Amino acid sequence: MAQAKKIFLYIIVVFVLYTIITSPSKAADLVEIGFEGISSAAKGVGEFMTELVN
């Protein structure tokens, strides 16, 4: 089972590196979208906690 996880992790890393090397602008767009999603989620949690306290 541990070997399968290690192989899967290597496949993911190779795929990410391949994507970055072949199309860096698309990879940058994907990273930007990811950070926007994380930011929106954090903002939503903050608003929820603020309303919960009030």
PDB file of N, CA and C in Angstrom:
ATOM      1  N   MET A   1       0.823  -1.198   0.000  1.00  0.00           N
ATOM      2  CA  MET A   1       0.000   0.000   0.000  1.00  0.00           C
ATOM      3  C   MET A   1       0.871   1.267   0.000  1.00  0.00           C
ATOM      4  N   ALA A   2       1.945   1.234   0.770  1.00  0.00           N
ATOM      5  CA  ALA A   2       2.829   2.399   0.820  1.00  0.00           C
ATOM      6  C   ALA A   2       3.498   2.637  -0.529  1.00  0.00           C
ATOM      7  N   GLN A   3       3.822   1.539  -1.236  1.00  0.00           N
ATOM      8  CA  GLN A   3       4.428   1.665  -2.564  1.00  0.00           C
ATOM      9  C   GLN A   3       3.462   2.317  -3.533  1.00  0.00           C
ATOM     10  N   ALA A   4       2.186   1.974  -3.452  1.00  0.00           N
ATOM     11  CA  ALA A   4       1.190   2.552  -4.356  1.00  0.00           C
ATOM     12  C   ALA A   4       1.067   4.057  -4.127  1.00  0.00           C
ATOM     13  N   LYS A   5       1.089   4.479  -2.881  1.00  0.00           N
ATOM     14  CA  LYS A   5       1.014   5.913  -2.573  1.00  0.00           C
ATOM     15  C   LYS A   5       2.235   6.650  -3.126  1.00  0.00           C
ATOM     16  N   LYS A   6       3.401   6.029  -2.976  1.00  0.00           N
ATOM     17  CA  LYS A   6       4.640   6.646  -3.455  1.00  0.00           C
ATOM     18  C   LYS A   6       4.616   6.772  -4.980  1.00  0.00           C
ATOM     19  N   ILE A   7       4.173   5.728  -5.658  1.00  0.00           N
ATOM     20  CA  ILE A   7       4.092   5.760  -7.123  1.00  0.00           C
ATOM     21  C   ILE A   7       3.083   6.812  -7.575  1.00  0.00           C
ATOM     22  N   PHE A   8       1.938   6.868  -6.918  1.00  0.00           N
ATOM     23  CA  PHE A   8       0.916   7.856  -7.257  1.00  0.00           C
ATOM     24  C   PHE A   8       1.450   9.276  -7.067  1.00  0.00           C
ATOM     25  N   LEU A   9       2.186   9.513  -5.977  1.00  0.00           N
ATOM     26  CA  LEU A   9       2.769  10.827  -5.729  1.00  0.00           C
ATOM     27  C   LEU A   9       3.771  11.193  -6.825  1.00  0.00           C
ATOM     28  N   TYR A  10       4.599  10.242  -7.246  1.00  0.00           N
ATOM     29  CA  TYR A  10       5.561  10.500  -8.322  1.00  0.00           C
ATOM     30  C   TYR A  10       4.840  10.836  -9.631  1.00  0.00           C
ATOM     31  N   ILE A  11       3.767  10.135  -9.911  1.00  0.00           N
ATOM     32  CA  ILE A  11       2.998  10.413 -11.131  1.00  0.00           C
ATOM     33  C   ILE A  11       2.429  11.822 -11.093  1.00  0.00           C
ATOM     34  N   ILE A  12       1.890  12.230  -9.948  1.00  0.00           N
ATOM     35  CA  ILE A  12       1.335  13.583  -9.807  1.00  0.00           C
ATOM     36  C   ILE A  12       2.424  14.628 -10.001  1.00  0.00           C
ATOM     37  N   VAL A  13       3.582  14.422  -9.391  1.00  0.00           N
ATOM     38  CA  VAL A  13       4.689  15.383  -9.507  1.00  0.00           C
ATOM     39  C   VAL A  13       5.144  15.498 -10.955  1.00  0.00           C
ATOM     40  N   VAL A  14       5.280  14.374 -11.640  1.00  0.00           N
ATOM     41  CA  VAL A  14       5.705  14.392 -13.047  1.00  0.00           C
ATOM     42  C   VAL A  14       4.670  15.121 -13.897  1.00  0.00           C
ATOM     43  N   PHE A  15       3.388  14.868 -13.643  1.00  0.00           N
ATOM     44  CA  PHE A  15       2.335  15.544 -14.398  1.00  0.00           C
ATOM     45  C   PHE A  15       2.377  17.054 -14.183  1.00  0.00           C
ATOM     46  N   VAL A  16       2.549  17.473 -12.935  1.00  0.00           N
ATOM     47  CA  VAL A  16       2.607  18.917 -12.638  1.00  0.00           C
ATOM     48  C   VAL A  16       3.813  19.552 -13.331  1.00  0.00           C
ATOM     49  N   LEU A  17       4.963  18.913 -13.247  1.00  0.00           N
ATOM     50  CA  LEU A  17       6.154  19.457 -13.907  1.00  0.00           C
ATOM     51  C   LEU A  17       5.975  19.506 -15.421  1.00  0.00           C
ATOM     52  N   TYR A  18       5.380  18.466 -15.995  1.00  0.00           N
ATOM     53  CA  TYR A  18       5.132  18.441 -17.434  1.00  0.00           C
ATOM     54  C   TYR A  18       4.213  19.596 -17.836  1.00  0.00           C
ATOM     55  N   THR A  19       3.167  19.827 -17.058  1.00  0.00           N
ATOM     56  CA  THR A  19       2.228  20.918 -17.357  1.00  0.00           C
ATOM     57  C   THR A  19       2.925  22.269 -17.280  1.00  0.00           C
ATOM     58  N   ILE A  20       3.752  22.460 -16.266  1.00  0.00           N
ATOM     59  CA  ILE A  20       4.461  23.739 -16.105  1.00  0.00           C
ATOM     60  C   ILE A  20       5.429  23.963 -17.255  1.00  0.00           C
ATOM     61  N   ILE A  21       6.146  22.920 -17.657  1.00  0.00           N
ATOM     62  CA  ILE A  21       7.153  23.065 -18.715  1.00  0.00           C
ATOM     63  C   ILE A  21       6.511  23.284 -20.077  1.00  0.00           C
ATOM     64  N   THR A  22       5.431  22.554 -20.378  1.00  0.00           N
ATOM     65  CA  THR A  22       4.844  22.653 -21.713  1.00  0.00           C
ATOM     66  C   THR A  22       3.994  23.897 -21.907  1.00  0.00           C
ATOM     67  N   SER A  23       3.314  24.362 -20.865  1.00  0.00           N
ATOM     68  CA  SER A  23       2.493  25.569 -21.010  1.00  0.00           C
ATOM     69  C   SER A  23       2.498  26.365 -19.702  1.00  0.00           C
ATOM     70  N   PRO A  24       3.543  27.149 -19.496  1.00  0.00           N
ATOM     71  CA  PRO A  24       3.664  27.890 -18.233  1.00  0.00           C
ATOM     72  C   PRO A  24       2.542  28.908 -18.016  1.00  0.00           C
ATOM     73  N   SER A  25       2.026  29.505 -19.076  1.00  0.00           N
ATOM     74  CA  SER A  25       0.966  30.502 -18.879  1.00  0.00           C
ATOM     75  C   SER A  25      -0.316  29.840 -18.389  1.00  0.00           C
ATOM     76  N   LYS A  26      -0.640  28.669 -18.933  1.00  0.00           N
ATOM     77  CA  LYS A  26      -1.828  27.949 -18.475  1.00  0.00           C
ATOM     78  C   LYS A  26      -1.640  27.479 -17.036  1.00  0.00           C
ATOM     79  N   ALA A  27      -0.430  27.029 -16.701  1.00  0.00           N
ATOM     80  CA  ALA A  27      -0.150  26.604 -15.332  1.00  0.00           C
ATOM     81  C   ALA A  27      -0.300  27.781 -14.370  1.00  0.00           C
ATOM     82  N   ALA A  28       0.162  28.952 -14.781  1.00  0.00           N
ATOM     83  CA  ALA A  28       0.017  30.141 -13.935  1.00  0.00           C
ATOM     84  C   ALA A  28      -1.456  30.497 -13.746  1.00  0.00           C
ATOM     85  N   ASP A  29      -2.247  30.361 -14.800  1.00  0.00           N
ATOM     86  CA  ASP A  29      -3.683  30.623 -14.683  1.00  0.00           C
ATOM     87  C   ASP A  29      -4.338  29.653 -13.703  1.00  0.00           C
ATOM     88  N   LEU A  30      -3.951  28.386 -13.761  1.00  0.00           N
ATOM     89  CA  LEU A  30      -4.521  27.395 -12.852  1.00  0.00           C
ATOM     90  C   LEU A  30      -4.153  27.686 -11.404  1.00  0.00           C
ATOM     91  N   VAL A  31      -2.918  28.104 -11.175  1.00  0.00           N
ATOM     92  CA  VAL A  31      -2.487  28.458  -9.816  1.00  0.00           C
ATOM     93  C   VAL A  31      -3.260  29.670  -9.325  1.00  0.00           C
ATOM     94  N   GLU A  32      -3.448  30.645 -10.192  1.00  0.00           N
ATOM     95  CA  GLU A  32      -4.209  31.842  -9.815  1.00  0.00           C
ATOM     96  C   GLU A  32      -5.652  31.477  -9.447  1.00  0.00           C
ATOM     97  N   ILE A  33      -6.268  30.610 -10.232  1.00  0.00           N
ATOM     98  CA  ILE A  33      -7.632  30.172  -9.940  1.00  0.00           C
ATOM     99  C   ILE A  33      -7.679  29.448  -8.593  1.00  0.00           C
ATOM    100  N   GLY A  34      -6.683  28.624  -8.330  1.00  0.00           N
ATOM    101  CA  GLY A  34      -6.625  27.913  -7.057  1.00  0.00           C
ATOM    102  C   GLY A  34      -6.513  28.849  -5.876  1.00  0.00           C
ATOM    103  N   PHE A  35      -5.638  29.851  -5.994  1.00  0.00           N
ATOM    104  CA  PHE A  35      -5.484  30.801  -4.897  1.00  0.00           C
ATOM    105  C   PHE A  35      -6.732  31.656  -4.711  1.00  0.00           C
ATOM    106  N   GLU A  36      -7.410  31.999  -5.802  1.00  0.00           N
ATOM    107  CA  GLU A  36      -8.658  32.746  -5.679  1.00  0.00           C
ATOM    108  C   GLU A  36      -9.710  31.913  -4.942  1.00  0.00           C
ATOM    109  N   GLY A  37      -9.751  30.622  -5.231  1.00  0.00           N
ATOM    110  CA  GLY A  37     -10.692  29.738  -4.545  1.00  0.00           C
ATOM    111  C   GLY A  37     -10.399  29.643  -3.059  1.00  0.00           C
ATOM    112  N   ILE A  38      -9.124  29.499  -2.719  1.00  0.00           N
ATOM    113  CA  ILE A  38      -8.735  29.429  -1.309  1.00  0.00           C
ATOM    114  C   ILE A  38      -9.061  30.740  -0.607  1.00  0.00           C
ATOM    115  N   SER A  39      -8.800  31.847  -1.276  1.00  0.00           N
ATOM    116  CA  SER A  39      -9.086  33.158  -0.702  1.00  0.00           C
ATOM    117  C   SER A  39     -10.581  33.342  -0.465  1.00  0.00           C
ATOM    118  N   SER A  40     -11.381  32.933  -1.426  1.00  0.00           N
ATOM    119  CA  SER A  40     -12.836  33.050  -1.276  1.00  0.00           C
ATOM    120  C   SER A  40     -13.340  32.181  -0.130  1.00  0.00           C
ATOM    121  N   ALA A  41     -12.794  30.986  -0.009  1.00  0.00           N
ATOM    122  CA  ALA A  41     -13.204  30.096   1.072  1.00  0.00           C
ATOM    123  C   ALA A  41     -12.836  30.688   2.436  1.00  0.00           C
ATOM    124  N   ALA A  42     -11.628  31.238   2.541  1.00  0.00           N
ATOM    125  CA  ALA A  42     -11.205  31.845   3.803  1.00  0.00           C
ATOM    126  C   ALA A  42     -12.073  33.054   4.136  1.00  0.00           C
ATOM    127  N   LYS A  43     -12.409  33.835   3.128  1.00  0.00           N
ATOM    128  CA  LYS A  43     -13.271  34.999   3.351  1.00  0.00           C
ATOM    129  C   LYS A  43     -14.648  34.563   3.830  1.00  0.00           C
ATOM    130  N   GLY A  44     -15.185  33.500   3.234  1.00  0.00           N
ATOM    131  CA  GLY A  44     -16.483  32.973   3.639  1.00  0.00           C
ATOM    132  C   GLY A  44     -16.472  32.477   5.077  1.00  0.00           C
ATOM    133  N   VAL A  45     -15.395  31.779   5.461  1.00  0.00           N
ATOM    134  CA  VAL A  45     -15.281  31.305   6.844  1.00  0.00           C
ATOM    135  C   VAL A  45     -15.199  32.495   7.796  1.00  0.00           C
ATOM    136  N   GLY A  46     -14.448  33.516   7.413  1.00  0.00           N
ATOM    137  CA  GLY A  46     -14.340  34.714   8.249  1.00  0.00           C
ATOM    138  C   GLY A  46     -15.674  35.408   8.426  1.00  0.00           C
ATOM    139  N   GLU A  47     -16.430  35.540   7.346  1.00  0.00           N
ATOM    140  CA  GLU A  47     -17.752  36.162   7.448  1.00  0.00           C
ATOM    141  C   GLU A  47     -18.689  35.325   8.311  1.00  0.00           C
ATOM    142  N   PHE A  48     -18.617  34.006   8.167  1.00  0.00           N
ATOM    143  CA  PHE A  48     -19.454  33.118   8.974  1.00  0.00           C
ATOM    144  C   PHE A  48     -19.122  33.272  10.453  1.00  0.00           C
ATOM    145  N   MET A  49     -17.847  33.289  10.787  1.00  0.00           N
ATOM    146  CA  MET A  49     -17.448  33.433  12.188  1.00  0.00           C
ATOM    147  C   MET A  49     -17.869  34.790  12.748  1.00  0.00           C
ATOM    148  N   THR A  50     -17.765  35.829  11.929  1.00  0.00           N
ATOM    149  CA  THR A  50     -18.186  37.162  12.367  1.00  0.00           C
ATOM    150  C   THR A  50     -19.684  37.173  12.676  1.00  0.00           C
ATOM    151  N   GLU A  51     -20.459  36.590  11.790  1.00  0.00           N
ATOM    152  CA  GLU A  51     -21.919  36.536  12.021  1.00  0.00           C
ATOM    153  C   GLU A  51     -22.254  35.650  13.211  1.00  0.00           C
ATOM    154  N   LEU A  52     -21.482  34.616  13.419  1.00  0.00           N
ATOM    155  CA  LEU A  52     -21.714  33.717  14.536  1.00  0.00           C
ATOM    156  C   LEU A  52     -21.486  34.425  15.881  1.00  0.00           C
ATOM    157  N   VAL A  53     -20.471  35.279  15.932  1.00  0.00           N
ATOM    158  CA  VAL A  53     -20.154  36.013  17.150  1.00  0.00           C
ATOM    159  C   VAL A  53     -21.202  37.093  17.412  1.00  0.00           C
ATOM    160  N   ASN A  54     -21.686  37.714  16.364  1.00  0.00           N
ATOM    161  CA  ASN A  54     -22.679  38.792  16.539  1.00  0.00           C
ATOM    162  C   ASN A  54     -23.969  38.197  16.839  1.00  0.00           C
TER     163      ASN A  54
END
